N, C-alpha and C. Protein backbone atom coordinates (compact mmCIF):
# COMPACT_ATOMS: atom_id res chain seq x y z
N MET A 1 169.06 -95.41 -42.44
CA MET A 1 169.42 -94.04 -42.19
C MET A 1 170.93 -93.97 -42.09
N THR A 2 171.52 -93.03 -42.80
CA THR A 2 172.98 -92.89 -42.79
C THR A 2 173.33 -91.48 -42.34
N THR A 3 173.96 -91.39 -41.18
CA THR A 3 174.43 -90.10 -40.67
C THR A 3 175.76 -90.32 -39.98
N ALA A 4 176.60 -89.30 -40.01
CA ALA A 4 177.89 -89.38 -39.32
C ALA A 4 177.66 -89.20 -37.83
N SER A 5 178.56 -89.74 -37.02
CA SER A 5 178.43 -89.61 -35.58
C SER A 5 179.17 -88.37 -35.08
N ALA A 6 178.79 -87.93 -33.91
CA ALA A 6 179.39 -86.75 -33.29
C ALA A 6 180.69 -87.12 -32.58
N PRO A 7 181.61 -86.15 -32.38
CA PRO A 7 182.84 -86.44 -31.64
C PRO A 7 182.51 -87.00 -30.26
N GLY A 8 183.26 -88.00 -29.83
CA GLY A 8 183.00 -88.62 -28.53
C GLY A 8 181.93 -89.70 -28.60
N ASP A 9 181.26 -89.81 -29.69
CA ASP A 9 180.21 -90.81 -29.89
C ASP A 9 180.86 -92.18 -30.06
N PRO A 10 180.33 -93.24 -29.41
CA PRO A 10 180.92 -94.58 -29.57
C PRO A 10 180.85 -95.09 -31.01
N MET A 11 180.04 -94.45 -31.85
CA MET A 11 179.92 -94.86 -33.25
C MET A 11 180.78 -93.99 -34.16
N ARG A 12 181.75 -93.29 -33.58
CA ARG A 12 182.61 -92.40 -34.35
C ARG A 12 183.28 -93.18 -35.49
N GLY A 13 183.25 -92.62 -36.66
CA GLY A 13 183.81 -93.27 -37.84
C GLY A 13 182.79 -94.08 -38.62
N ASP A 14 181.64 -94.32 -38.02
CA ASP A 14 180.60 -95.06 -38.72
C ASP A 14 179.84 -94.14 -39.66
N THR A 15 179.61 -94.59 -40.87
CA THR A 15 178.74 -93.84 -41.78
C THR A 15 177.31 -94.32 -41.62
N ALA A 16 177.12 -95.53 -41.11
CA ALA A 16 175.77 -96.07 -40.86
C ALA A 16 175.41 -95.80 -39.41
N ARG A 17 174.28 -95.18 -39.20
CA ARG A 17 173.80 -94.90 -37.84
C ARG A 17 173.02 -96.11 -37.30
N ASP A 18 172.32 -96.80 -38.19
CA ASP A 18 171.56 -97.99 -37.82
C ASP A 18 171.45 -98.90 -39.04
N TRP A 19 170.77 -100.00 -38.90
CA TRP A 19 170.64 -100.95 -40.00
C TRP A 19 169.19 -101.13 -40.41
N GLU A 20 168.44 -100.05 -40.43
CA GLU A 20 167.05 -100.11 -40.88
C GLU A 20 166.94 -100.49 -42.35
N ASP A 21 167.91 -100.06 -43.14
CA ASP A 21 167.90 -100.34 -44.57
C ASP A 21 169.26 -100.93 -44.95
N VAL A 22 169.27 -102.24 -45.28
CA VAL A 22 170.54 -102.91 -45.60
C VAL A 22 170.66 -103.22 -47.09
N ARG A 23 169.83 -102.61 -47.90
CA ARG A 23 169.85 -102.90 -49.34
C ARG A 23 171.18 -102.59 -50.00
N SER A 24 171.94 -101.65 -49.48
CA SER A 24 173.22 -101.30 -50.10
C SER A 24 174.32 -102.31 -49.78
N TYR A 25 174.05 -103.27 -48.93
CA TYR A 25 175.05 -104.27 -48.56
C TYR A 25 174.88 -105.55 -49.38
N THR A 26 174.47 -105.41 -50.61
CA THR A 26 174.21 -106.56 -51.46
C THR A 26 175.51 -107.26 -51.88
N LEU A 27 175.38 -108.48 -52.27
CA LEU A 27 176.51 -109.28 -52.72
C LEU A 27 176.71 -109.05 -54.22
N GLU A 28 177.92 -108.69 -54.60
CA GLU A 28 178.23 -108.44 -56.01
C GLU A 28 178.37 -109.77 -56.74
N GLU A 29 178.31 -109.72 -58.07
CA GLU A 29 178.35 -110.94 -58.89
C GLU A 29 179.59 -111.77 -58.64
N GLU A 30 180.75 -111.14 -58.50
CA GLU A 30 182.00 -111.87 -58.27
C GLU A 30 181.95 -112.65 -56.95
N GLN A 31 181.44 -112.02 -55.90
CA GLN A 31 181.34 -112.69 -54.60
C GLN A 31 180.25 -113.78 -54.64
N GLU A 32 179.18 -113.53 -55.40
CA GLU A 32 178.14 -114.56 -55.56
C GLU A 32 178.75 -115.80 -56.22
N ALA A 33 179.52 -115.61 -57.27
CA ALA A 33 180.14 -116.73 -57.97
C ALA A 33 181.09 -117.49 -57.04
N GLU A 34 181.86 -116.76 -56.23
CA GLU A 34 182.77 -117.42 -55.29
C GLU A 34 181.99 -118.23 -54.27
N LEU A 35 180.94 -117.65 -53.71
CA LEU A 35 180.14 -118.36 -52.71
C LEU A 35 179.52 -119.62 -53.31
N LEU A 36 178.96 -119.52 -54.50
CA LEU A 36 178.34 -120.69 -55.14
C LEU A 36 179.38 -121.77 -55.47
N ALA A 37 180.60 -121.35 -55.79
CA ALA A 37 181.65 -122.32 -56.10
C ALA A 37 182.17 -123.02 -54.85
N ARG A 38 182.22 -122.29 -53.74
CA ARG A 38 182.85 -122.84 -52.53
C ARG A 38 181.87 -123.55 -51.60
N GLN A 39 180.65 -123.09 -51.54
CA GLN A 39 179.68 -123.70 -50.63
C GLN A 39 178.93 -124.82 -51.34
N THR A 40 178.73 -125.93 -50.67
CA THR A 40 178.03 -127.06 -51.28
C THR A 40 176.67 -127.31 -50.65
N GLU A 41 176.34 -126.59 -49.57
CA GLU A 41 175.07 -126.80 -48.88
C GLU A 41 174.17 -125.58 -48.97
N CYS A 42 172.89 -125.87 -49.02
CA CYS A 42 171.88 -124.81 -48.97
C CYS A 42 170.77 -125.29 -48.05
N THR A 43 169.93 -124.37 -47.65
CA THR A 43 168.69 -124.75 -46.97
C THR A 43 167.60 -124.68 -48.03
N PHE A 44 166.96 -125.80 -48.26
CA PHE A 44 165.89 -125.92 -49.25
C PHE A 44 164.57 -125.74 -48.50
N ILE A 45 163.74 -124.80 -48.96
CA ILE A 45 162.52 -124.42 -48.24
C ILE A 45 161.32 -124.57 -49.17
N TRP A 46 160.28 -125.22 -48.67
CA TRP A 46 159.06 -125.46 -49.43
C TRP A 46 157.86 -125.26 -48.51
N ALA A 47 156.67 -125.28 -49.08
CA ALA A 47 155.44 -125.13 -48.29
C ALA A 47 154.87 -126.52 -48.01
N GLY A 48 154.62 -126.79 -46.75
CA GLY A 48 154.01 -128.05 -46.36
C GLY A 48 152.53 -128.09 -46.74
N ARG A 49 151.91 -129.22 -46.50
CA ARG A 49 150.49 -129.42 -46.83
C ARG A 49 149.62 -128.32 -46.23
N ASP A 50 149.98 -127.87 -45.01
CA ASP A 50 149.20 -126.83 -44.32
C ASP A 50 149.62 -125.42 -44.73
N GLY A 51 150.57 -125.30 -45.67
CA GLY A 51 151.04 -124.00 -46.13
C GLY A 51 152.19 -123.44 -45.32
N HIS A 52 152.53 -124.12 -44.23
CA HIS A 52 153.62 -123.66 -43.37
C HIS A 52 154.96 -123.98 -44.03
N PRO A 53 155.92 -123.04 -44.03
CA PRO A 53 157.22 -123.31 -44.64
C PRO A 53 158.00 -124.34 -43.83
N MET A 54 158.72 -125.18 -44.55
CA MET A 54 159.61 -126.19 -43.96
C MET A 54 160.94 -126.09 -44.69
N GLY A 55 161.99 -126.51 -44.04
CA GLY A 55 163.29 -126.47 -44.70
C GLY A 55 164.24 -127.52 -44.18
N VAL A 56 165.13 -127.97 -45.04
CA VAL A 56 166.19 -128.89 -44.67
C VAL A 56 167.48 -128.45 -45.36
N VAL A 57 168.60 -128.83 -44.75
CA VAL A 57 169.89 -128.56 -45.36
C VAL A 57 170.17 -129.68 -46.36
N MET A 58 170.53 -129.28 -47.57
CA MET A 58 170.81 -130.24 -48.65
C MET A 58 172.03 -129.77 -49.43
N ASN A 59 172.69 -130.71 -50.08
CA ASN A 59 173.75 -130.35 -51.02
C ASN A 59 173.12 -129.91 -52.32
N TYR A 60 173.83 -129.05 -53.05
CA TYR A 60 173.31 -128.55 -54.32
C TYR A 60 174.42 -128.45 -55.35
N LEU A 61 174.00 -128.40 -56.59
CA LEU A 61 174.90 -128.20 -57.72
C LEU A 61 174.39 -126.99 -58.49
N PRO A 62 175.18 -125.90 -58.56
CA PRO A 62 174.76 -124.78 -59.40
C PRO A 62 175.15 -125.07 -60.86
N ARG A 63 174.23 -124.81 -61.77
CA ARG A 63 174.53 -125.04 -63.19
C ARG A 63 173.63 -124.17 -64.05
N ASP A 64 174.23 -123.36 -64.89
CA ASP A 64 173.51 -122.54 -65.86
C ASP A 64 172.42 -121.68 -65.20
N GLY A 65 172.73 -121.08 -64.05
CA GLY A 65 171.79 -120.19 -63.38
C GLY A 65 170.67 -120.90 -62.63
N ARG A 66 170.77 -122.19 -62.51
CA ARG A 66 169.76 -122.99 -61.79
C ARG A 66 170.46 -123.79 -60.70
N PHE A 67 169.68 -124.34 -59.80
CA PHE A 67 170.21 -125.13 -58.70
C PHE A 67 169.61 -126.52 -58.78
N TRP A 68 170.45 -127.52 -58.61
CA TRP A 68 170.06 -128.91 -58.76
C TRP A 68 170.34 -129.65 -57.46
N LEU A 69 169.35 -130.39 -56.98
CA LEU A 69 169.44 -131.15 -55.74
C LEU A 69 168.84 -132.53 -56.00
N THR A 70 168.95 -133.42 -55.04
CA THR A 70 168.35 -134.74 -55.22
C THR A 70 167.82 -135.26 -53.89
N ALA A 71 166.79 -136.08 -53.99
CA ALA A 71 166.18 -136.73 -52.83
C ALA A 71 165.41 -137.95 -53.35
N THR A 72 164.99 -138.78 -52.44
CA THR A 72 164.17 -139.92 -52.85
C THR A 72 162.71 -139.51 -52.90
N GLU A 73 161.98 -140.15 -53.76
CA GLU A 73 160.56 -139.85 -53.99
C GLU A 73 159.75 -139.88 -52.70
N GLY A 74 160.11 -140.73 -51.76
CA GLY A 74 159.34 -140.87 -50.52
C GLY A 74 159.47 -139.73 -49.53
N ARG A 75 160.37 -138.80 -49.77
CA ARG A 75 160.53 -137.67 -48.85
C ARG A 75 159.30 -136.75 -48.96
N PRO A 76 158.78 -136.29 -47.83
CA PRO A 76 157.61 -135.39 -47.88
C PRO A 76 157.82 -134.14 -48.74
N ARG A 77 159.05 -133.66 -48.85
CA ARG A 77 159.29 -132.46 -49.66
C ARG A 77 158.97 -132.69 -51.13
N ILE A 78 159.10 -133.93 -51.60
CA ILE A 78 158.82 -134.19 -53.01
C ILE A 78 157.32 -134.08 -53.28
N ALA A 79 156.52 -134.68 -52.43
CA ALA A 79 155.06 -134.54 -52.57
C ALA A 79 154.66 -133.07 -52.45
N ALA A 80 155.33 -132.36 -51.55
CA ALA A 80 155.00 -130.94 -51.34
C ALA A 80 155.29 -130.11 -52.58
N VAL A 81 156.45 -130.30 -53.22
CA VAL A 81 156.77 -129.48 -54.39
C VAL A 81 155.96 -129.92 -55.61
N ARG A 82 155.48 -131.13 -55.60
CA ARG A 82 154.56 -131.53 -56.68
C ARG A 82 153.23 -130.80 -56.53
N ARG A 83 152.79 -130.59 -55.27
CA ARG A 83 151.55 -129.84 -55.00
C ARG A 83 151.73 -128.35 -55.27
N ASP A 84 152.85 -127.81 -54.80
CA ASP A 84 153.12 -126.38 -54.90
C ASP A 84 154.61 -126.19 -55.20
N PRO A 85 154.96 -125.89 -56.43
CA PRO A 85 156.37 -125.83 -56.81
C PRO A 85 157.12 -124.58 -56.37
N ARG A 86 156.47 -123.68 -55.65
CA ARG A 86 157.16 -122.47 -55.18
C ARG A 86 158.08 -122.83 -54.03
N VAL A 87 159.38 -122.53 -54.20
CA VAL A 87 160.38 -122.88 -53.20
C VAL A 87 161.38 -121.74 -53.04
N SER A 88 162.22 -121.89 -52.03
CA SER A 88 163.36 -120.99 -51.83
C SER A 88 164.55 -121.82 -51.42
N ILE A 89 165.74 -121.28 -51.68
CA ILE A 89 166.95 -121.85 -51.10
C ILE A 89 167.74 -120.70 -50.49
N ALA A 90 168.40 -121.00 -49.39
CA ALA A 90 169.26 -120.02 -48.71
C ALA A 90 170.65 -120.63 -48.60
N ILE A 91 171.65 -119.83 -48.93
CA ILE A 91 173.04 -120.28 -48.93
C ILE A 91 173.84 -119.29 -48.10
N THR A 92 174.64 -119.80 -47.18
CA THR A 92 175.50 -118.96 -46.36
C THR A 92 176.95 -119.35 -46.56
N SER A 93 177.85 -118.44 -46.30
CA SER A 93 179.27 -118.72 -46.44
C SER A 93 179.83 -119.51 -45.26
N LYS A 94 179.06 -119.69 -44.22
CA LYS A 94 179.53 -120.40 -43.02
C LYS A 94 180.11 -121.77 -43.41
N GLY A 95 181.33 -122.02 -42.99
CA GLY A 95 181.97 -123.30 -43.25
C GLY A 95 182.59 -123.44 -44.63
N SER A 96 182.50 -122.40 -45.45
CA SER A 96 183.02 -122.48 -46.83
C SER A 96 184.46 -122.01 -46.95
N GLY A 97 185.00 -121.43 -45.89
CA GLY A 97 186.34 -120.88 -45.95
C GLY A 97 186.36 -119.40 -46.33
N ILE A 98 185.20 -118.83 -46.64
CA ILE A 98 185.12 -117.40 -46.92
C ILE A 98 185.14 -116.69 -45.58
N ALA A 99 186.05 -115.73 -45.42
CA ALA A 99 186.32 -115.12 -44.11
C ALA A 99 185.17 -114.27 -43.57
N VAL A 100 184.52 -113.50 -44.42
CA VAL A 100 183.49 -112.58 -43.96
C VAL A 100 182.12 -113.11 -44.40
N SER A 101 181.16 -113.06 -43.51
CA SER A 101 179.83 -113.62 -43.76
C SER A 101 179.17 -113.05 -45.01
N LYS A 102 178.73 -113.97 -45.86
CA LYS A 102 178.00 -113.62 -47.08
C LYS A 102 176.84 -114.60 -47.18
N SER A 103 175.75 -114.15 -47.80
CA SER A 103 174.62 -115.06 -47.97
C SER A 103 173.83 -114.73 -49.22
N LEU A 104 173.12 -115.74 -49.68
CA LEU A 104 172.26 -115.61 -50.85
C LEU A 104 170.95 -116.32 -50.56
N THR A 105 169.87 -115.75 -51.05
CA THR A 105 168.57 -116.42 -51.01
C THR A 105 167.97 -116.29 -52.40
N TYR A 106 167.44 -117.38 -52.88
CA TYR A 106 166.76 -117.40 -54.17
C TYR A 106 165.36 -117.94 -53.96
N LYS A 107 164.39 -117.32 -54.58
CA LYS A 107 163.05 -117.90 -54.62
C LYS A 107 162.79 -118.28 -56.06
N GLY A 108 162.00 -119.32 -56.24
CA GLY A 108 161.75 -119.76 -57.59
C GLY A 108 160.79 -120.92 -57.64
N THR A 109 160.89 -121.66 -58.72
CA THR A 109 160.01 -122.79 -58.98
C THR A 109 160.84 -124.06 -59.02
N CYS A 110 160.29 -125.13 -58.47
CA CYS A 110 160.98 -126.42 -58.45
C CYS A 110 160.35 -127.36 -59.47
N VAL A 111 161.21 -127.93 -60.30
CA VAL A 111 160.80 -128.92 -61.29
C VAL A 111 161.36 -130.26 -60.82
N VAL A 112 160.50 -131.28 -60.75
CA VAL A 112 160.95 -132.62 -60.34
C VAL A 112 161.24 -133.43 -61.60
N HIS A 113 162.48 -133.93 -61.70
CA HIS A 113 162.89 -134.73 -62.86
C HIS A 113 163.04 -136.19 -62.44
N GLU A 114 162.47 -137.07 -63.26
CA GLU A 114 162.59 -138.51 -63.03
C GLU A 114 163.24 -139.21 -64.21
N ASP A 115 163.58 -138.46 -65.24
CA ASP A 115 164.06 -139.04 -66.50
C ASP A 115 165.52 -139.46 -66.42
N ALA A 116 165.85 -140.50 -67.16
CA ALA A 116 167.21 -141.06 -67.19
C ALA A 116 168.22 -140.06 -67.75
N GLU A 117 167.81 -139.25 -68.71
CA GLU A 117 168.74 -138.28 -69.32
C GLU A 117 169.25 -137.28 -68.28
N THR A 118 168.36 -136.74 -67.45
CA THR A 118 168.78 -135.79 -66.41
C THR A 118 169.67 -136.48 -65.38
N LYS A 119 169.26 -137.67 -64.95
CA LYS A 119 170.05 -138.40 -63.95
C LYS A 119 171.44 -138.73 -64.49
N ALA A 120 171.54 -139.03 -65.79
CA ALA A 120 172.82 -139.42 -66.40
C ALA A 120 173.87 -138.32 -66.31
N TRP A 121 173.51 -137.06 -66.47
CA TRP A 121 174.49 -135.99 -66.34
C TRP A 121 174.59 -135.51 -64.90
N PHE A 122 173.45 -135.53 -64.16
CA PHE A 122 173.43 -134.95 -62.82
C PHE A 122 174.26 -135.76 -61.82
N TYR A 123 174.05 -137.06 -61.72
CA TYR A 123 174.73 -137.85 -60.69
C TYR A 123 176.25 -137.70 -60.75
N PRO A 124 176.89 -137.86 -61.93
CA PRO A 124 178.35 -137.69 -61.96
C PRO A 124 178.80 -136.25 -61.62
N ALA A 125 178.09 -135.25 -62.10
CA ALA A 125 178.48 -133.86 -61.83
C ALA A 125 178.31 -133.53 -60.34
N PHE A 126 177.21 -133.96 -59.76
CA PHE A 126 176.93 -133.75 -58.34
C PHE A 126 177.98 -134.45 -57.49
N ALA A 127 178.27 -135.70 -57.81
CA ALA A 127 179.24 -136.47 -57.05
C ALA A 127 180.64 -135.88 -57.16
N ALA A 128 181.03 -135.41 -58.33
CA ALA A 128 182.34 -134.79 -58.51
C ALA A 128 182.46 -133.52 -57.68
N ARG A 129 181.38 -132.76 -57.57
CA ARG A 129 181.39 -131.54 -56.76
C ARG A 129 181.56 -131.87 -55.28
N LEU A 130 180.93 -132.94 -54.83
CA LEU A 130 180.95 -133.28 -53.42
C LEU A 130 182.13 -134.18 -53.02
N ARG A 131 182.80 -134.77 -54.01
CA ARG A 131 183.99 -135.59 -53.75
C ARG A 131 185.12 -135.11 -54.68
N PRO A 132 185.48 -133.83 -54.57
CA PRO A 132 186.48 -133.28 -55.50
C PRO A 132 187.84 -133.95 -55.32
N GLY A 133 188.53 -134.16 -56.44
CA GLY A 133 189.87 -134.70 -56.40
C GLY A 133 189.95 -136.20 -56.15
N ASP A 134 188.83 -136.88 -56.07
CA ASP A 134 188.86 -138.33 -55.83
C ASP A 134 187.84 -138.99 -56.76
N GLU A 135 188.30 -139.33 -57.96
CA GLU A 135 187.41 -139.88 -58.98
C GLU A 135 186.75 -141.18 -58.53
N ALA A 136 187.48 -142.02 -57.81
CA ALA A 136 186.91 -143.29 -57.35
C ALA A 136 185.77 -143.06 -56.36
N LYS A 137 185.99 -142.14 -55.41
CA LYS A 137 184.92 -141.83 -54.43
C LYS A 137 183.72 -141.18 -55.13
N ALA A 138 184.00 -140.30 -56.08
CA ALA A 138 182.91 -139.65 -56.81
C ALA A 138 182.11 -140.69 -57.60
N ALA A 139 182.78 -141.61 -58.24
CA ALA A 139 182.09 -142.64 -59.02
C ALA A 139 181.25 -143.53 -58.12
N SER A 140 181.79 -143.89 -56.96
CA SER A 140 181.04 -144.71 -56.00
C SER A 140 179.82 -143.95 -55.48
N PHE A 141 180.02 -142.67 -55.17
CA PHE A 141 178.91 -141.84 -54.69
C PHE A 141 177.81 -141.75 -55.75
N ALA A 142 178.19 -141.50 -56.99
CA ALA A 142 177.21 -141.41 -58.08
C ALA A 142 176.46 -142.72 -58.24
N ALA A 143 177.16 -143.84 -58.13
CA ALA A 143 176.51 -145.15 -58.25
C ALA A 143 175.50 -145.37 -57.13
N HIS A 144 175.83 -144.93 -55.92
CA HIS A 144 174.89 -145.07 -54.79
C HIS A 144 173.65 -144.18 -54.97
N LEU A 145 173.84 -143.03 -55.60
CA LEU A 145 172.69 -142.15 -55.85
C LEU A 145 171.70 -142.76 -56.84
N ASP A 146 172.20 -143.53 -57.76
CA ASP A 146 171.37 -144.08 -58.84
C ASP A 146 170.50 -145.22 -58.33
N SER A 147 169.41 -144.84 -57.69
CA SER A 147 168.48 -145.82 -57.14
C SER A 147 167.10 -145.58 -57.75
N PRO A 148 166.25 -146.60 -57.74
CA PRO A 148 164.95 -146.50 -58.44
C PRO A 148 164.05 -145.36 -57.94
N GLY A 149 164.09 -145.03 -56.66
CA GLY A 149 163.17 -144.03 -56.13
C GLY A 149 163.72 -142.62 -56.06
N ARG A 150 164.86 -142.38 -56.66
CA ARG A 150 165.49 -141.06 -56.56
C ARG A 150 165.01 -140.14 -57.66
N VAL A 151 164.84 -138.87 -57.31
CA VAL A 151 164.46 -137.83 -58.26
C VAL A 151 165.49 -136.71 -58.18
N VAL A 152 165.51 -135.88 -59.20
CA VAL A 152 166.39 -134.71 -59.25
C VAL A 152 165.52 -133.47 -59.23
N LEU A 153 165.87 -132.54 -58.37
CA LEU A 153 165.12 -131.28 -58.25
C LEU A 153 165.89 -130.17 -58.95
N GLU A 154 165.20 -129.44 -59.78
CA GLU A 154 165.76 -128.28 -60.47
C GLU A 154 165.04 -127.04 -59.94
N ILE A 155 165.79 -126.14 -59.35
CA ILE A 155 165.20 -124.88 -58.88
C ILE A 155 165.52 -123.81 -59.93
N VAL A 156 164.45 -123.23 -60.46
CA VAL A 156 164.57 -122.17 -61.45
C VAL A 156 164.31 -120.86 -60.70
N PRO A 157 165.37 -120.10 -60.38
CA PRO A 157 165.17 -118.90 -59.58
C PRO A 157 164.54 -117.76 -60.37
N ASP A 158 163.71 -116.99 -59.68
CA ASP A 158 163.15 -115.78 -60.30
C ASP A 158 163.41 -114.54 -59.46
N ARG A 159 164.02 -114.71 -58.29
CA ARG A 159 164.40 -113.57 -57.47
C ARG A 159 165.60 -113.95 -56.63
N ARG A 160 166.49 -113.00 -56.42
CA ARG A 160 167.72 -113.21 -55.66
C ARG A 160 167.88 -112.11 -54.64
N ILE A 161 168.31 -112.49 -53.45
CA ILE A 161 168.69 -111.53 -52.42
C ILE A 161 170.09 -111.91 -51.97
N GLY A 162 171.03 -111.00 -52.08
CA GLY A 162 172.39 -111.25 -51.64
C GLY A 162 172.78 -110.30 -50.53
N PHE A 163 173.62 -110.77 -49.62
CA PHE A 163 174.06 -109.95 -48.50
C PHE A 163 175.56 -110.13 -48.28
N ASP A 164 176.27 -109.01 -48.12
CA ASP A 164 177.71 -109.01 -47.89
C ASP A 164 177.98 -108.22 -46.62
N SER A 165 178.30 -108.94 -45.54
CA SER A 165 178.51 -108.25 -44.26
C SER A 165 179.77 -107.38 -44.28
N ALA A 166 180.70 -107.64 -45.19
CA ALA A 166 181.90 -106.78 -45.28
C ALA A 166 181.50 -105.34 -45.56
N LYS A 167 180.49 -105.15 -46.38
CA LYS A 167 180.01 -103.79 -46.68
C LYS A 167 179.37 -103.17 -45.44
N MET A 168 178.64 -103.98 -44.68
CA MET A 168 177.99 -103.48 -43.48
C MET A 168 179.04 -103.08 -42.45
N TRP A 169 180.08 -103.92 -42.26
CA TRP A 169 181.12 -103.58 -41.28
C TRP A 169 181.94 -102.38 -41.73
N ALA A 170 182.09 -102.19 -43.02
CA ALA A 170 182.81 -101.00 -43.52
C ALA A 170 182.03 -99.74 -43.18
N ALA A 171 180.71 -99.83 -43.19
CA ALA A 171 179.87 -98.67 -42.89
C ALA A 171 179.70 -98.47 -41.37
N ALA A 172 179.98 -99.51 -40.60
CA ALA A 172 179.84 -99.42 -39.13
C ALA A 172 180.99 -100.16 -38.46
N PRO A 173 182.21 -99.66 -38.63
CA PRO A 173 183.37 -100.38 -38.05
C PRO A 173 183.31 -100.52 -36.53
N SER A 174 182.59 -99.63 -35.85
CA SER A 174 182.51 -99.75 -34.39
C SER A 174 181.75 -101.00 -33.95
N ALA A 175 180.95 -101.57 -34.84
CA ALA A 175 180.16 -102.74 -34.50
C ALA A 175 180.72 -104.03 -35.12
N ALA A 176 181.80 -103.90 -35.89
CA ALA A 176 182.37 -105.06 -36.58
C ALA A 176 182.93 -106.06 -35.59
N PRO A 177 182.85 -107.34 -35.93
CA PRO A 177 183.46 -108.35 -35.05
C PRO A 177 184.97 -108.17 -35.01
N SER A 178 185.58 -108.56 -33.92
CA SER A 178 187.04 -108.50 -33.79
C SER A 178 187.67 -109.52 -34.71
N ALA A 179 188.86 -109.19 -35.17
CA ALA A 179 189.61 -110.14 -36.01
C ALA A 179 189.95 -111.36 -35.17
N ARG A 180 189.89 -112.51 -35.80
CA ARG A 180 190.16 -113.74 -35.06
C ARG A 180 191.54 -114.25 -35.35
């Protein structure tokens, strides 16, 4: 609901009266690209054996509209996505250096890759993203990833939800956090 406040109202200047509908505070493509470039962690969410959602924080590599992660075959999440490939990832700007809170959630399907061809391009690209500016550290990291039980996860998104709190604070400046 969007209504202007009355004179003397503590919400004076706010165009948003409440936050029942936040759909207009979506993240634009440019901000999405910045968030994906700057943030290296996501929360990876899958359905456990009992159908209950589970999640862990993992590093990711965005590439060609998909998200790539890695884990060892023995992790319960790998057996879970083999049973039910429906997954989600959530990405927040927290810790990325982006000043105002932004977030993205994608739901999609997870493909488990075990082939040498995928690992050959993924390990160096993933390591370079996580060890930027240090080729020796990236090469060492990639070499450590290359173990017999490791798999690569490809998340193929089919839905996206983006949120930009800057838009929300612009609509309700009386509720915005103080500048730090």
